[in-house]
Amino acid sequence: MEGVVVAAREAISKRKLPALATIETVLLNGGATLELRAPGQAPIQIETAPLNTSKNGDILIVDASGKSTTTSGGGDEDDVPAMAGWKLGELKGVVLEEASEWV
């Protein structure tokens, strides 16, 4: 994903970084390990068990949500918000330097 600059903790999507669509995910060891694969890169394996922040990075909340760019909505007159959105929820995560460097 060379050549694209995003701010720390910035929300990103496939629209901004199309290379995200090339990342494959595989759960290994009964779900205890997540493997990420992408063209031209060696796979990386990350433990999915609760992480010890003393050996890893900062804890952060990952918000899986967005606003529609294809639904304009009409506001009050159509009973549709001006910008419709979606939300899958929030998960607690840990910043892993190794994974950040891989991306």
Protein backbone atom coordinates (compact mmCIF):
# COMPACT_ATOMS: atom_id res chain seq x y z
CA MET A 1 0.00 0.00 0.00
CA GLU A 2 2.92 2.19 -0.70
CA GLY A 3 2.22 5.76 -1.70
CA VAL A 4 -1.00 6.29 0.30
CA VAL A 5 -0.79 8.38 3.45
CA VAL A 6 -3.36 8.07 6.21
CA ALA A 7 -3.33 9.74 9.59
CA ALA A 8 -2.83 7.68 12.73
CA ARG A 9 -6.16 6.14 13.78
CA GLU A 10 -7.85 7.41 10.59
CA ALA A 11 -10.81 5.37 9.35
CA ILE A 12 -9.86 3.74 6.04
CA SER A 13 -11.81 1.84 3.42
CA LYS A 14 -11.31 -0.01 0.13
CA ARG A 15 -12.38 3.16 -1.65
CA LYS A 16 -9.39 5.07 -0.21
CA LEU A 17 -7.03 2.06 -0.25
CA PRO A 18 -8.11 -0.40 -2.98
CA ALA A 19 -5.25 -2.72 -1.98
CA LEU A 20 -7.27 -3.63 1.14
CA ALA A 21 -9.46 -5.73 -1.15
CA THR A 22 -6.47 -7.97 -1.93
CA ILE A 23 -5.87 -8.98 1.71
CA GLU A 24 -7.02 -12.52 2.48
CA THR A 25 -7.82 -13.62 6.04
CA VAL A 26 -7.57 -17.17 7.36
CA LEU A 27 -8.27 -18.41 10.89
CA LEU A 28 -5.86 -21.12 12.03
CA ASN A 29 -5.51 -23.29 15.14
CA GLY A 30 -9.22 -23.34 15.89
CA GLY A 31 -9.45 -19.57 15.61
CA ALA A 32 -6.52 -18.83 17.93
CA THR A 33 -4.46 -17.34 15.08
CA LEU A 34 -5.39 -14.93 12.30
CA GLU A 35 -3.26 -15.11 9.16
CA LEU A 36 -3.20 -12.20 6.71
CA ARG A 37 -2.04 -12.75 3.13
CA ALA A 38 -1.54 -10.25 0.31
CA PRO A 39 0.10 -10.39 -3.11
CA GLY A 40 3.84 -9.71 -2.95
CA GLN A 41 4.05 -10.02 0.84
CA ALA A 42 4.92 -12.86 3.18
CA PRO A 43 1.93 -13.94 5.29
CA ILE A 44 1.71 -12.63 8.85
CA GLN A 45 0.16 -14.53 11.78
CA ILE A 46 -1.43 -12.74 14.73
CA GLU A 47 -2.75 -14.30 17.94
CA THR A 48 -6.47 -13.68 18.42
CA ALA A 49 -6.46 -14.46 22.15
CA PRO A 50 -6.68 -11.51 24.54
CA LEU A 51 -3.45 -9.62 24.18
CA ASN A 52 -1.13 -8.52 26.95
CA THR A 53 -0.72 -4.76 26.47
CA SER A 54 2.56 -4.75 28.37
CA LYS A 55 4.18 -6.58 25.42
CA ASN A 56 2.04 -4.99 22.70
CA GLY A 57 0.75 -1.54 21.84
CA ASP A 58 -2.04 0.72 22.99
CA ILE A 59 -5.61 -0.49 23.41
CA LEU A 60 -8.09 1.14 21.05
CA ILE A 61 -11.76 0.77 20.13
CA VAL A 62 -12.34 -0.37 16.53
CA ASP A 63 -15.63 1.01 15.21
CA ALA A 64 -17.01 -0.94 12.25
CA SER A 65 -19.40 1.60 10.73
CA GLY A 66 -19.79 3.98 7.86
CA LYS A 67 -22.02 6.35 5.96
CA SER A 68 -23.59 5.51 2.64
CA THR A 69 -22.23 7.32 -0.36
CA THR A 70 -24.92 5.86 -2.63
CA THR A 71 -28.02 6.82 -0.65
CA SER A 72 -28.70 10.54 -0.60
CA GLY A 73 -31.80 10.44 1.62
CA GLY A 74 -34.18 13.32 1.78
CA GLY A 75 -34.15 14.36 5.39
CA ASP A 76 -37.44 14.85 7.24
CA GLU A 77 -39.77 14.87 4.23
CA ASP A 78 -38.86 11.30 3.22
CA ASP A 79 -38.34 9.94 6.76
CA VAL A 80 -34.84 9.00 5.59
CA PRO A 81 -31.78 10.52 7.25
CA ALA A 82 -29.85 12.93 5.03
CA MET A 83 -26.91 10.50 5.11
CA ALA A 84 -27.89 6.89 5.83
CA GLY A 85 -25.31 4.78 7.59
CA TRP A 86 -24.54 1.35 8.99
CA LYS A 87 -22.92 0.07 12.17
CA LEU A 88 -21.69 -3.44 12.94
CA GLY A 89 -20.47 -2.53 16.41
CA GLU A 90 -17.31 -1.80 18.34
CA LEU A 91 -14.51 -4.12 19.39
CA LYS A 92 -11.60 -3.59 21.72
CA GLY A 93 -8.29 -4.00 19.93
CA VAL A 94 -4.57 -3.62 20.46
CA VAL A 95 -2.16 -1.80 18.16
CA LEU A 96 0.45 -4.33 16.99
CA GLU A 97 3.54 -2.71 15.53
CA GLU A 98 4.35 -5.86 13.52
CA ALA A 99 0.93 -5.79 11.84
CA SER A 100 1.13 -2.03 11.24
CA GLU A 101 4.45 -2.48 9.46
CA TRP A 102 3.03 -5.36 7.39
CA VAL A 103 0.21 -3.17 6.06
